[in-house]
């Protein structure tokens, strides 16, 4: 397989790196998820035309869904051969994490039997340097620092699959609640010994949140900021969700917001917690995939957008109080929603 020939390994997936911005006083980051390798992906050409500083894949970058590693490689090869994917590679730096369908099988976690083999295929495809810490430790979590106009953006890429415990099956606990007009798959864990990130990744994340930065983008394959909806999200592990909020408070980490994928639509959710600034979760899911309804989400402040799209983050450093703008752009190039706020809004 010829893997990402046109990206220098120097630029990808270092534990912490510094790179100058290509957009002057603005930092532009695009992201998306849920792209079937058998389908055309015109969204990628839209991103290539934008020429952002980064494009971040948030998982389901292909639909592997297999125990056959040869088949998994073939599906990555289909993505690699797409002209719109190659256009993306020529226009920006590509970062990635995985979700269930490219990690293993639907809704899988730490019990998937081919984690090591799938990880090697993933890292090889995305041209991970041979001496990268991602290759020597469990999981694919990583981070980098992007410098622009003398300011620092920290991109923290989580692995929500390698260490995640099994989900708790739904057994009709909410059958009398009219909010849930659809079949639920899961119920939330009430015991605190179940985990998403695992102990080592949590310890690493605490260190990362102590690294100096002006903005911190935490990349999660599944949604962080939504309310429980019976499908897969951080809300299935409410103690882990609270642990994240408590860690942000403990480290006094300013400038944190989340980006996420998985659900086949776009929205922005907002969590309000005591002694903490608003925590936003900007979801972009649907490079090729779509869904026919959006689940109840009391935390939703923008969206949903049900058409194919990508997410765009623009940080304008030229202002005295830098502005962060979140936009969802559909396959026709239309802006479907925009949400802006000053950087000072997400500081202690």
C-alpha atoms as a PDB file:
ATOM      1  CA  UNK A   1       0.000   0.000   0.000  1.00  0.00           C
ATOM      2  CA  UNK A   2       1.287   3.475  -0.830  1.00  0.00           C
ATOM      3  CA  UNK A   3       0.444   5.428   2.281  1.00  0.00           C
ATOM      4  CA  UNK A   4       0.116   9.217   2.342  1.00  0.00           C
ATOM      5  CA  UNK A   5       3.187   9.777   0.214  1.00  0.00           C
ATOM      6  CA  UNK A   6       2.650  13.502   0.086  1.00  0.00           C
ATOM      7  CA  UNK A   7       2.765  14.306   3.796  1.00  0.00           C
ATOM      8  CA  UNK A   8       6.104  14.644   5.514  1.00  0.00           C
ATOM      9  CA  UNK A   9       6.258  12.493   8.608  1.00  0.00           C
ATOM     10  CA  UNK A  10       7.909  15.444  10.325  1.00  0.00           C
ATOM     11  CA  UNK A  11       4.567  17.180  10.643  1.00  0.00           C
ATOM     12  CA  UNK A  12       2.317  14.366  11.877  1.00  0.00           C
ATOM     13  CA  UNK A  13       1.439  13.145  15.332  1.00  0.00           C
ATOM     14  CA  UNK A  14       4.384  14.305  17.384  1.00  0.00           C
ATOM     15  CA  UNK A  15       3.763  14.311  21.103  1.00  0.00           C
ATOM     16  CA  UNK A  16       4.132  18.107  21.245  1.00  0.00           C
ATOM     17  CA  UNK A  17       5.251  20.188  18.277  1.00  0.00           C
ATOM     18  CA  UNK A  18       5.251  23.839  17.295  1.00  0.00           C
ATOM     19  CA  UNK A  19       4.266  24.949  13.819  1.00  0.00           C
ATOM     20  CA  UNK A  20       3.688  28.399  12.322  1.00  0.00           C
ATOM     21  CA  UNK A  21       0.174  29.145  11.081  1.00  0.00           C
ATOM     22  CA  UNK A  22      -0.466  29.334   7.345  1.00  0.00           C
ATOM     23  CA  UNK A  23      -3.326  31.805   7.773  1.00  0.00           C
ATOM     24  CA  UNK A  24      -1.541  34.771   9.401  1.00  0.00           C
ATOM     25  CA  UNK A  25      -3.487  36.213  12.317  1.00  0.00           C
ATOM     26  CA  UNK A  26      -6.122  33.496  12.050  1.00  0.00           C
ATOM     27  CA  UNK A  27      -6.004  29.819  12.974  1.00  0.00           C
ATOM     28  CA  UNK A  28      -8.371  27.666  10.912  1.00  0.00           C
ATOM     29  CA  UNK A  29      -9.107  24.067  11.819  1.00  0.00           C
ATOM     30  CA  UNK A  30     -11.562  21.834   9.976  1.00  0.00           C
ATOM     31  CA  UNK A  31     -12.773  18.477  11.188  1.00  0.00           C
ATOM     32  CA  UNK A  32     -15.199  15.687  10.472  1.00  0.00           C
ATOM     33  CA  UNK A  33     -16.036  12.029  10.898  1.00  0.00           C
ATOM     34  CA  UNK A  34     -18.062   9.131   9.557  1.00  0.00           C
ATOM     35  CA  UNK A  35     -16.889   8.604   5.980  1.00  0.00           C
ATOM     36  CA  UNK A  36     -17.617   5.383   4.093  1.00  0.00           C
ATOM     37  CA  UNK A  37     -14.749   4.356   1.853  1.00  0.00           C
ATOM     38  CA  UNK A  38     -17.130   3.096  -0.865  1.00  0.00           C
ATOM     39  CA  UNK A  39     -18.698   6.529  -1.376  1.00  0.00           C
ATOM     40  CA  UNK A  40     -17.502   9.712  -3.029  1.00  0.00           C
ATOM     41  CA  UNK A  41     -16.445  12.318  -0.477  1.00  0.00           C
ATOM     42  CA  UNK A  42     -16.947  15.806  -1.943  1.00  0.00           C
ATOM     43  CA  UNK A  43     -16.745  17.269   1.583  1.00  0.00           C
ATOM     44  CA  UNK A  44     -12.993  16.578   1.497  1.00  0.00           C
ATOM     45  CA  UNK A  45     -12.625  18.702  -1.630  1.00  0.00           C
ATOM     46  CA  UNK A  46     -14.480  21.539   0.135  1.00  0.00           C
ATOM     47  CA  UNK A  47     -11.960  21.313   2.972  1.00  0.00           C
ATOM     48  CA  UNK A  48      -9.055  21.173   0.513  1.00  0.00           C
ATOM     49  CA  UNK A  49     -10.323  24.376  -1.112  1.00  0.00           C
ATOM     50  CA  UNK A  50     -10.433  26.023   2.323  1.00  0.00           C
ATOM     51  CA  UNK A  51      -6.753  25.180   3.035  1.00  0.00           C
ATOM     52  CA  UNK A  52      -7.082  25.116   6.830  1.00  0.00           C
ATOM     53  CA  UNK A  53      -4.104  24.769   9.151  1.00  0.00           C
ATOM     54  CA  UNK A  54      -5.330  21.268  10.039  1.00  0.00           C
ATOM     55  CA  UNK A  55      -8.006  18.771   9.205  1.00  0.00           C
ATOM     56  CA  UNK A  56      -8.843  16.443  12.101  1.00  0.00           C
ATOM     57  CA  UNK A  57     -10.454  13.053  11.523  1.00  0.00           C
ATOM     58  CA  UNK A  58     -12.515  12.144  14.585  1.00  0.00           C
ATOM     59  CA  UNK A  59     -13.147   8.513  13.766  1.00  0.00           C
ATOM     60  CA  UNK A  60     -15.134   6.180  11.546  1.00  0.00           C
ATOM     61  CA  UNK A  61     -12.677   7.427   8.951  1.00  0.00           C
ATOM     62  CA  UNK A  62     -13.498   4.185   7.175  1.00  0.00           C
ATOM     63  CA  UNK A  63     -16.069   1.519   8.004  1.00  0.00           C
ATOM     64  CA  UNK A  64     -13.865  -1.465   8.746  1.00  0.00           C
ATOM     65  CA  UNK A  65     -16.214  -3.429  11.035  1.00  0.00           C
ATOM     66  CA  UNK A  66     -14.137  -6.554  10.767  1.00  0.00           C
ATOM     67  CA  UNK A  67     -11.882  -9.097  12.458  1.00  0.00           C
ATOM     68  CA  UNK A  68     -10.009  -9.523   9.165  1.00  0.00           C
ATOM     69  CA  UNK A  69      -6.958  -7.265   9.097  1.00  0.00           C
ATOM     70  CA  UNK A  70      -6.423  -7.799   5.370  1.00  0.00           C
ATOM     71  CA  UNK A  71      -9.897  -6.445   4.732  1.00  0.00           C
ATOM     72  CA  UNK A  72      -9.197  -3.503   7.037  1.00  0.00           C
ATOM     73  CA  UNK A  73      -6.102  -2.619   4.991  1.00  0.00           C
ATOM     74  CA  UNK A  74      -8.090  -2.865   1.760  1.00  0.00           C
ATOM     75  CA  UNK A  75     -10.655  -0.407   3.059  1.00  0.00           C
ATOM     76  CA  UNK A  76      -7.959   2.125   3.972  1.00  0.00           C
ATOM     77  CA  UNK A  77      -6.545   1.626   0.469  1.00  0.00           C
ATOM     78  CA  UNK A  78      -9.916   2.626  -1.010  1.00  0.00           C
ATOM     79  CA  UNK A  79      -9.765   5.880   0.922  1.00  0.00           C
ATOM     80  CA  UNK A  80      -6.165   6.497  -0.111  1.00  0.00           C
ATOM     81  CA  UNK A  81      -7.064   6.180  -3.805  1.00  0.00           C
ATOM     82  CA  UNK A  82      -9.790   8.827  -3.724  1.00  0.00           C
ATOM     83  CA  UNK A  83      -8.722  12.018  -5.566  1.00  0.00           C
ATOM     84  CA  UNK A  84     -10.559  14.183  -3.025  1.00  0.00           C
ATOM     85  CA  UNK A  85      -8.588  12.521  -0.207  1.00  0.00           C
ATOM     86  CA  UNK A  86      -5.344  13.196  -2.041  1.00  0.00           C
ATOM     87  CA  UNK A  87      -6.450  16.815  -2.555  1.00  0.00           C
ATOM     88  CA  UNK A  88      -6.970  17.060   1.194  1.00  0.00           C
ATOM     89  CA  UNK A  89      -3.472  15.748   1.871  1.00  0.00           C
ATOM     90  CA  UNK A  90      -1.947  18.323  -0.480  1.00  0.00           C
ATOM     91  CA  UNK A  91      -3.825  21.234   1.135  1.00  0.00           C
ATOM     92  CA  UNK A  92      -3.366  20.802   4.890  1.00  0.00           C
ATOM     93  CA  UNK A  93      -1.924  18.746   7.735  1.00  0.00           C
ATOM     94  CA  UNK A  94      -4.100  15.780   8.637  1.00  0.00           C
ATOM     95  CA  UNK A  95      -4.520  14.525  12.201  1.00  0.00           C
ATOM     96  CA  UNK A  96      -6.660  11.592  13.267  1.00  0.00           C
ATOM     97  CA  UNK A  97      -8.111   9.444  15.979  1.00  0.00           C
ATOM     98  CA  UNK A  98     -10.440   6.477  15.576  1.00  0.00           C
ATOM     99  CA  UNK A  99     -13.939   5.509  16.586  1.00  0.00           C
ATOM    100  CA  UNK A 100     -15.586   2.090  16.704  1.00  0.00           C
ATOM    101  CA  UNK A 101     -15.933   1.289  12.994  1.00  0.00           C
ATOM    102  CA  UNK A 102     -12.279   1.892  12.113  1.00  0.00           C
ATOM    103  CA  UNK A 103     -11.009   0.674  15.495  1.00  0.00           C
ATOM    104  CA  UNK A 104     -12.841  -2.651  15.354  1.00  0.00           C
ATOM    105  CA  UNK A 105     -16.567  -3.316  15.190  1.00  0.00           C
ATOM    106  CA  UNK A 106     -19.705  -1.406  16.133  1.00  0.00           C
ATOM    107  CA  UNK A 107     -19.568   0.109  19.654  1.00  0.00           C
ATOM    108  CA  UNK A 108     -16.434  -1.906  20.502  1.00  0.00           C
ATOM    109  CA  UNK A 109     -13.958  -1.122  23.253  1.00  0.00           C
ATOM    110  CA  UNK A 110     -11.076  -2.752  25.103  1.00  0.00           C
ATOM    111  CA  UNK A 111     -12.330  -6.297  24.567  1.00  0.00           C
ATOM    112  CA  UNK A 112     -11.932  -6.134  20.779  1.00  0.00           C
ATOM    113  CA  UNK A 113      -9.324  -8.889  20.140  1.00  0.00           C
ATOM    114  CA  UNK A 114      -7.285  -7.172  17.401  1.00  0.00           C
ATOM    115  CA  UNK A 115      -6.487  -3.831  19.009  1.00  0.00           C
ATOM    116  CA  UNK A 116      -2.724  -4.079  18.409  1.00  0.00           C
ATOM    117  CA  UNK A 117      -3.101  -5.128  14.782  1.00  0.00           C
ATOM    118  CA  UNK A 118      -5.711  -2.446  14.046  1.00  0.00           C
ATOM    119  CA  UNK A 119      -3.545   0.169  15.757  1.00  0.00           C
ATOM    120  CA  UNK A 120      -0.539  -0.658  13.572  1.00  0.00           C
ATOM    121  CA  UNK A 121      -2.628  -0.405  10.409  1.00  0.00           C
ATOM    122  CA  UNK A 122      -4.065   2.929  11.558  1.00  0.00           C
ATOM    123  CA  UNK A 123      -0.670   4.425  12.428  1.00  0.00           C
ATOM    124  CA  UNK A 124       0.927   3.158   9.229  1.00  0.00           C
ATOM    125  CA  UNK A 125      -1.879   4.608   7.124  1.00  0.00           C
ATOM    126  CA  UNK A 126      -1.567   8.014   8.745  1.00  0.00           C
ATOM    127  CA  UNK A 127       2.218   7.906   8.369  1.00  0.00           C
ATOM    128  CA  UNK A 128       3.033   7.988  12.068  1.00  0.00           C
ATOM    129  CA  UNK A 129       6.790   8.409  12.631  1.00  0.00           C
ATOM    130  CA  UNK A 130       8.555   5.187  13.580  1.00  0.00           C
ATOM    131  CA  UNK A 131       9.902   6.732  16.798  1.00  0.00           C
ATOM    132  CA  UNK A 132       6.552   8.151  17.897  1.00  0.00           C
ATOM    133  CA  UNK A 133       5.330   7.452  21.430  1.00  0.00           C
ATOM    134  CA  UNK A 134       2.060   6.406  19.861  1.00  0.00           C
ATOM    135  CA  UNK A 135       3.810   3.298  18.570  1.00  0.00           C
ATOM    136  CA  UNK A 136       5.355   2.287  21.905  1.00  0.00           C
ATOM    137  CA  UNK A 137       2.486   2.793  24.361  1.00  0.00           C
ATOM    138  CA  UNK A 138      -1.038   1.414  24.457  1.00  0.00           C
ATOM    139  CA  UNK A 139      -3.594   3.573  22.714  1.00  0.00           C
ATOM    140  CA  UNK A 140      -3.320   6.275  20.053  1.00  0.00           C
ATOM    141  CA  UNK A 141      -3.835   9.388  22.168  1.00  0.00           C
ATOM    142  CA  UNK A 142      -1.481  12.274  21.415  1.00  0.00           C
ATOM    143  CA  UNK A 143      -1.190  16.080  21.429  1.00  0.00           C
ATOM    144  CA  UNK A 144       0.516  18.959  19.677  1.00  0.00           C
ATOM    145  CA  UNK A 145       0.976  22.695  20.030  1.00  0.00           C
ATOM    146  CA  UNK A 146       0.211  24.961  17.075  1.00  0.00           C
ATOM    147  CA  UNK A 147       1.636  28.485  17.287  1.00  0.00           C
ATOM    148  CA  UNK A 148      -0.017  31.364  15.474  1.00  0.00           C
ATOM    149  CA  UNK A 149       0.589  35.084  15.909  1.00  0.00           C
ATOM    150  CA  UNK A 150       2.459  34.400  19.146  1.00  0.00           C
ATOM    151  CA  UNK A 151      -0.461  32.425  20.616  1.00  0.00           C
ATOM    152  CA  UNK A 152      -0.665  28.695  21.292  1.00  0.00           C
ATOM    153  CA  UNK A 153      -3.404  26.251  20.357  1.00  0.00           C
ATOM    154  CA  UNK A 154      -3.112  22.862  22.015  1.00  0.00           C
ATOM    155  CA  UNK A 155      -4.782  20.002  20.165  1.00  0.00           C
ATOM    156  CA  UNK A 156      -5.401  17.046  22.476  1.00  0.00           C
ATOM    157  CA  UNK A 157      -6.419  13.878  20.643  1.00  0.00           C
ATOM    158  CA  UNK A 158      -8.089  11.285  22.877  1.00  0.00           C
ATOM    159  CA  UNK A 159      -8.447   7.549  22.375  1.00  0.00           C
ATOM    160  CA  UNK A 160     -11.950   6.602  23.526  1.00  0.00           C
ATOM    161  CA  UNK A 161     -11.729   2.961  22.379  1.00  0.00           C
ATOM    162  CA  UNK A 162      -8.580   1.156  23.520  1.00  0.00           C
ATOM    163  CA  UNK A 163      -9.368   1.384  27.248  1.00  0.00           C
ATOM    164  CA  UNK A 164     -13.152   1.719  27.264  1.00  0.00           C
ATOM    165  CA  UNK A 165     -15.183  -0.802  29.238  1.00  0.00           C
ATOM    166  CA  UNK A 166     -18.259  -2.453  27.805  1.00  0.00           C
ATOM    167  CA  UNK A 167     -21.409  -0.395  27.611  1.00  0.00           C
ATOM    168  CA  UNK A 168     -24.320  -1.258  29.886  1.00  0.00           C
ATOM    169  CA  UNK A 169     -27.258  -2.661  27.922  1.00  0.00           C
ATOM    170  CA  UNK A 170     -30.630  -0.954  28.190  1.00  0.00           C
ATOM    171  CA  UNK A 171     -33.258  -3.068  29.944  1.00  0.00           C
ATOM    172  CA  UNK A 172     -36.296  -0.818  29.823  1.00  0.00           C
ATOM    173  CA  UNK A 173     -35.335   1.464  32.710  1.00  0.00           C
ATOM    174  CA  UNK A 174     -36.901   4.511  31.034  1.00  0.00           C
ATOM    175  CA  UNK A 175     -39.883   2.931  29.291  1.00  0.00           C
ATOM    176  CA  UNK A 176     -42.333   5.385  30.889  1.00  0.00           C
ATOM    177  CA  UNK A 177     -40.407   8.490  29.813  1.00  0.00           C
ATOM    178  CA  UNK A 178     -42.040  10.054  26.701  1.00  0.00           C
ATOM    179  CA  UNK A 179     -38.776  11.819  25.830  1.00  0.00           C
ATOM    180  CA  UNK A 180     -37.439   8.555  24.436  1.00  0.00           C
ATOM    181  CA  UNK A 181     -39.643   7.983  21.388  1.00  0.00           C
ATOM    182  CA  UNK A 182     -37.082   5.617  19.847  1.00  0.00           C
ATOM    183  CA  UNK A 183     -35.487   2.308  20.932  1.00  0.00           C
ATOM    184  CA  UNK A 184     -32.598   2.816  23.359  1.00  0.00           C
ATOM    185  CA  UNK A 185     -29.476   0.661  23.129  1.00  0.00           C
ATOM    186  CA  UNK A 186     -27.729   1.444  26.405  1.00  0.00           C
ATOM    187  CA  UNK A 187     -28.191   2.683  29.964  1.00  0.00           C
ATOM    188  CA  UNK A 188     -25.628   4.678  31.886  1.00  0.00           C
ATOM    189  CA  UNK A 189     -23.101   3.111  34.244  1.00  0.00           C
ATOM    190  CA  UNK A 190     -23.704   3.801  37.925  1.00  0.00           C
ATOM    191  CA  UNK A 191     -20.516   2.132  39.191  1.00  0.00           C
ATOM    192  CA  UNK A 192     -17.353   4.244  39.270  1.00  0.00           C
ATOM    193  CA  UNK A 193     -14.898   1.503  38.312  1.00  0.00           C
ATOM    194  CA  UNK A 194     -15.933   1.551  34.629  1.00  0.00           C
ATOM    195  CA  UNK A 195     -13.891   3.812  32.357  1.00  0.00           C
ATOM    196  CA  UNK A 196     -13.548   5.397  28.939  1.00  0.00           C
ATOM    197  CA  UNK A 197      -9.956   6.640  28.982  1.00  0.00           C
ATOM    198  CA  UNK A 198      -8.230   4.261  31.392  1.00  0.00           C
ATOM    199  CA  UNK A 199      -5.847   5.264  34.183  1.00  0.00           C
ATOM    200  CA  UNK A 200      -2.717   5.893  32.090  1.00  0.00           C
ATOM    201  CA  UNK A 201      -4.517   8.138  29.623  1.00  0.00           C
ATOM    202  CA  UNK A 202      -6.114  10.097  32.475  1.00  0.00           C
ATOM    203  CA  UNK A 203      -2.690  10.698  34.043  1.00  0.00           C
ATOM    204  CA  UNK A 204      -1.309  11.797  30.666  1.00  0.00           C
ATOM    205  CA  UNK A 205      -4.256  14.137  30.133  1.00  0.00           C
ATOM    206  CA  UNK A 206      -3.691  15.857  33.476  1.00  0.00           C
ATOM    207  CA  UNK A 207      -0.103  16.602  32.447  1.00  0.00           C
ATOM    208  CA  UNK A 208      -1.293  17.922  29.098  1.00  0.00           C
ATOM    209  CA  UNK A 209      -3.759  20.306  30.715  1.00  0.00           C
ATOM    210  CA  UNK A 210      -0.862  21.808  32.653  1.00  0.00           C
ATOM    211  CA  UNK A 211       1.022  22.645  29.428  1.00  0.00           C
ATOM    212  CA  UNK A 212       0.833  26.418  28.727  1.00  0.00           C
ATOM    213  CA  UNK A 213      -1.677  27.205  25.957  1.00  0.00           C
ATOM    214  CA  UNK A 214      -4.209  29.889  25.041  1.00  0.00           C
ATOM    215  CA  UNK A 215      -6.783  27.533  23.488  1.00  0.00           C
ATOM    216  CA  UNK A 216      -7.170  23.792  24.118  1.00  0.00           C
ATOM    217  CA  UNK A 217      -9.183  21.678  21.691  1.00  0.00           C
ATOM    218  CA  UNK A 218      -9.971  18.239  23.124  1.00  0.00           C
ATOM    219  CA  UNK A 219     -10.798  15.812  20.323  1.00  0.00           C
ATOM    220  CA  UNK A 220     -13.164  12.984  21.280  1.00  0.00           C
ATOM    221  CA  UNK A 221     -14.598  10.482  18.829  1.00  0.00           C
ATOM    222  CA  UNK A 222     -17.877  10.324  20.785  1.00  0.00           C
ATOM    223  CA  UNK A 223     -19.906  13.256  22.077  1.00  0.00           C
ATOM    224  CA  UNK A 224     -18.847  14.745  25.402  1.00  0.00           C
ATOM    225  CA  UNK A 225     -21.378  17.496  26.051  1.00  0.00           C
ATOM    226  CA  UNK A 226     -24.776  15.911  25.399  1.00  0.00           C
ATOM    227  CA  UNK A 227     -27.329  14.597  27.851  1.00  0.00           C
ATOM    228  CA  UNK A 228     -27.937  10.852  28.123  1.00  0.00           C
ATOM    229  CA  UNK A 229     -29.836   9.576  25.075  1.00  0.00           C
ATOM    230  CA  UNK A 230     -29.520   5.776  25.168  1.00  0.00           C
ATOM    231  CA  UNK A 231     -26.876   5.702  22.460  1.00  0.00           C
ATOM    232  CA  UNK A 232     -23.109   5.767  22.829  1.00  0.00           C
ATOM    233  CA  UNK A 233     -21.550   8.913  24.371  1.00  0.00           C
ATOM    234  CA  UNK A 234     -19.701  10.123  27.458  1.00  0.00           C
ATOM    235  CA  UNK A 235     -23.118  10.330  29.137  1.00  0.00           C
ATOM    236  CA  UNK A 236     -23.044   6.520  29.386  1.00  0.00           C
ATOM    237  CA  UNK A 237     -20.178   7.034  31.843  1.00  0.00           C
ATOM    238  CA  UNK A 238     -21.380  10.042  33.890  1.00  0.00           C
ATOM    239  CA  UNK A 239     -18.600   9.598  36.459  1.00  0.00           C
ATOM    240  CA  UNK A 240     -16.024   9.904  33.640  1.00  0.00           C
ATOM    241  CA  UNK A 241     -17.797  12.986  32.290  1.00  0.00           C
ATOM    242  CA  UNK A 242     -17.676  14.545  35.772  1.00  0.00           C
ATOM    243  CA  UNK A 243     -14.035  13.494  36.164  1.00  0.00           C
ATOM    244  CA  UNK A 244     -13.195  15.467  33.020  1.00  0.00           C
ATOM    245  CA  UNK A 245     -14.936  18.596  34.292  1.00  0.00           C
ATOM    246  CA  UNK A 246     -13.260  18.216  37.690  1.00  0.00           C
ATOM    247  CA  UNK A 247      -9.860  17.818  36.006  1.00  0.00           C
ATOM    248  CA  UNK A 248     -10.318  21.053  34.051  1.00  0.00           C
ATOM    249  CA  UNK A 249     -11.128  22.784  37.355  1.00  0.00           C
ATOM    250  CA  UNK A 250      -8.211  21.152  39.173  1.00  0.00           C
ATOM    251  CA  UNK A 251      -5.645  22.153  36.551  1.00  0.00           C
ATOM    252  CA  UNK A 252      -7.208  25.608  36.005  1.00  0.00           C
ATOM    253  CA  UNK A 253      -6.901  24.917  32.287  1.00  0.00           C
ATOM    254  CA  UNK A 254      -8.199  27.899  30.353  1.00  0.00           C
ATOM    255  CA  UNK A 255      -9.548  27.853  26.822  1.00  0.00           C
ATOM    256  CA  UNK A 256     -10.926  24.301  26.733  1.00  0.00           C
ATOM    257  CA  UNK A 257     -13.596  23.158  24.321  1.00  0.00           C
ATOM    258  CA  UNK A 258     -14.374  19.801  22.720  1.00  0.00           C
ATOM    259  CA  UNK A 259     -14.897  18.597  19.184  1.00  0.00           C
ATOM    260  CA  UNK A 260     -16.599  15.268  18.533  1.00  0.00           C
ATOM    261  CA  UNK A 261     -18.178  13.036  15.899  1.00  0.00           C
ATOM    262  CA  UNK A 262     -20.028   9.703  15.673  1.00  0.00           C
ATOM    263  CA  UNK A 263     -23.727  10.604  15.443  1.00  0.00           C
ATOM    264  CA  UNK A 264     -24.178  11.524  11.744  1.00  0.00           C
ATOM    265  CA  UNK A 265     -25.303  15.099  12.336  1.00  0.00           C
ATOM    266  CA  UNK A 266     -23.845  18.370  13.576  1.00  0.00           C
ATOM    267  CA  UNK A 267     -24.688  20.333  16.707  1.00  0.00           C
ATOM    268  CA  UNK A 268     -23.107  22.349  19.498  1.00  0.00           C
ATOM    269  CA  UNK A 269     -23.757  21.377  23.105  1.00  0.00           C
ATOM    270  CA  UNK A 270     -22.991  23.417  26.192  1.00  0.00           C
ATOM    271  CA  UNK A 271     -22.330  22.155  29.709  1.00  0.00           C
ATOM    272  CA  UNK A 272     -22.666  24.533  32.630  1.00  0.00           C
ATOM    273  CA  UNK A 273     -20.951  23.370  35.822  1.00  0.00           C
ATOM    274  CA  UNK A 274     -20.258  25.060  39.139  1.00  0.00           C
ATOM    275  CA  UNK A 275     -16.976  26.988  39.334  1.00  0.00           C
ATOM    276  CA  UNK A 276     -16.277  26.398  35.641  1.00  0.00           C
ATOM    277  CA  UNK A 277     -16.698  28.415  32.480  1.00  0.00           C
ATOM    278  CA  UNK A 278     -19.069  27.074  29.762  1.00  0.00           C
ATOM    279  CA  UNK A 279     -17.776  23.869  28.159  1.00  0.00           C
ATOM    280  CA  UNK A 280     -18.728  23.615  24.494  1.00  0.00           C
ATOM    281  CA  UNK A 281     -18.795  20.421  22.444  1.00  0.00           C
ATOM    282  CA  UNK A 282     -18.892  21.019  18.681  1.00  0.00           C
ATOM    283  CA  UNK A 283     -20.013  17.862  16.870  1.00  0.00           C
ATOM    284  CA  UNK A 284     -19.350  17.277  13.179  1.00  0.00           C
ATOM    285  CA  UNK A 285     -20.368  13.875  11.864  1.00  0.00           C
ATOM    286  CA  UNK A 286     -21.319  13.056   8.352  1.00  0.00           C
ATOM    287  CA  UNK A 287     -18.628  13.290   5.680  1.00  0.00           C
ATOM    288  CA  UNK A 288     -20.742  10.679   3.882  1.00  0.00           C
ATOM    289  CA  UNK A 289     -23.057   9.293   6.586  1.00  0.00           C
ATOM    290  CA  UNK A 290     -26.480  10.694   7.515  1.00  0.00           C
ATOM    291  CA  UNK A 291     -29.138   9.920  10.094  1.00  0.00           C
ATOM    292  CA  UNK A 292     -32.867  10.546  10.093  1.00  0.00           C
ATOM    293  CA  UNK A 293     -33.409  12.150  13.502  1.00  0.00           C
ATOM    294  CA  UNK A 294     -31.485  13.925  16.241  1.00  0.00           C
ATOM    295  CA  UNK A 295     -31.854  12.579  19.752  1.00  0.00           C
ATOM    296  CA  UNK A 296     -33.131  14.737  22.639  1.00  0.00           C
ATOM    297  CA  UNK A 297     -30.357  16.968  23.972  1.00  0.00           C
ATOM    298  CA  UNK A 298     -31.181  19.661  26.523  1.00  0.00           C
ATOM    299  CA  UNK A 299     -27.590  20.931  26.141  1.00  0.00           C
ATOM    300  CA  UNK A 300     -27.972  21.685  22.407  1.00  0.00           C
ATOM    301  CA  UNK A 301     -27.489  25.357  21.549  1.00  0.00           C
ATOM    302  CA  UNK A 302     -26.957  25.050  17.764  1.00  0.00           C
ATOM    303  CA  UNK A 303     -28.151  22.541  15.187  1.00  0.00           C
ATOM    304  CA  UNK A 304     -28.877  19.864  14.357  1.00  0.00           C
ATOM    305  CA  UNK A 305     -27.672  19.788  10.756  1.00  0.00           C
ATOM    306  CA  UNK A 306     -28.614  16.461   9.191  1.00  0.00           C
ATOM    307  CA  UNK A 307     -26.902  16.841   5.784  1.00  0.00           C
ATOM    308  CA  UNK A 308     -23.301  15.939   4.934  1.00  0.00           C
ATOM    309  CA  UNK A 309     -20.961  18.624   6.253  1.00  0.00           C
ATOM    310  CA  UNK A 310     -17.698  19.469   7.980  1.00  0.00           C
ATOM    311  CA  UNK A 311     -16.939  21.525  11.054  1.00  0.00           C
ATOM    312  CA  UNK A 312     -14.857  24.693  10.870  1.00  0.00           C
ATOM    313  CA  UNK A 313     -13.167  26.533  13.744  1.00  0.00           C
ATOM    314  CA  UNK A 314     -11.723  29.990  13.100  1.00  0.00           C
ATOM    315  CA  UNK A 315      -9.741  31.763  15.811  1.00  0.00           C
ATOM    316  CA  UNK A 316      -9.128  35.453  15.080  1.00  0.00           C
ATOM    317  CA  UNK A 317      -6.033  36.511  17.014  1.00  0.00           C
ATOM    318  CA  UNK A 318      -6.063  40.070  15.650  1.00  0.00           C
ATOM    319  CA  UNK A 319      -8.714  41.164  18.166  1.00  0.00           C
ATOM    320  CA  UNK A 320      -7.839  42.352  21.658  1.00  0.00           C
ATOM    321  CA  UNK A 321     -10.082  39.586  22.971  1.00  0.00           C
ATOM    322  CA  UNK A 322      -9.598  36.852  20.322  1.00  0.00           C
ATOM    323  CA  UNK A 323     -12.785  35.486  18.791  1.00  0.00           C
ATOM    324  CA  UNK A 324     -13.549  31.787  18.353  1.00  0.00           C
ATOM    325  CA  UNK A 325     -16.030  31.064  15.582  1.00  0.00           C
ATOM    326  CA  UNK A 326     -17.618  27.621  15.079  1.00  0.00           C
ATOM    327  CA  UNK A 327     -19.329  26.941  11.751  1.00  0.00           C
ATOM    328  CA  UNK A 328     -20.945  23.950  10.092  1.00  0.00           C
ATOM    329  CA  UNK A 329     -20.478  23.960   6.312  1.00  0.00           C
ATOM    330  CA  UNK A 330     -22.580  21.603   4.211  1.00  0.00           C
ATOM    331  CA  UNK A 331     -21.697  19.703   1.049  1.00  0.00           C
ATOM    332  CA  UNK A 332     -22.880  22.610  -1.117  1.00  0.00           C
ATOM    333  CA  UNK A 333     -20.618  25.036   0.718  1.00  0.00           C
ATOM    334  CA  UNK A 334     -23.463  26.658   2.672  1.00  0.00           C
ATOM    335  CA  UNK A 335     -22.932  27.839   6.227  1.00  0.00           C
ATOM    336  CA  UNK A 336     -25.652  26.061   8.213  1.00  0.00           C
ATOM    337  CA  UNK A 337     -24.964  27.642  11.570  1.00  0.00           C
ATOM    338  CA  UNK A 338     -22.348  29.847  13.204  1.00  0.00           C
ATOM    339  CA  UNK A 339     -21.601  30.309  16.891  1.00  0.00           C
ATOM    340  CA  UNK A 340     -19.020  32.846  18.058  1.00  0.00           C
ATOM    341  CA  UNK A 341     -17.675  33.837  21.443  1.00  0.00           C
ATOM    342  CA  UNK A 342     -14.665  35.731  22.825  1.00  0.00           C
ATOM    343  CA  UNK A 343     -11.775  33.725  24.241  1.00  0.00           C
ATOM    344  CA  UNK A 344     -12.324  35.431  27.600  1.00  0.00           C
ATOM    345  CA  UNK A 345     -15.636  33.535  27.913  1.00  0.00           C
ATOM    346  CA  UNK A 346     -13.798  30.227  28.403  1.00  0.00           C
ATOM    347  CA  UNK A 347     -11.349  31.339  31.062  1.00  0.00           C
ATOM    348  CA  UNK A 348     -11.361  31.090  34.831  1.00  0.00           C
END
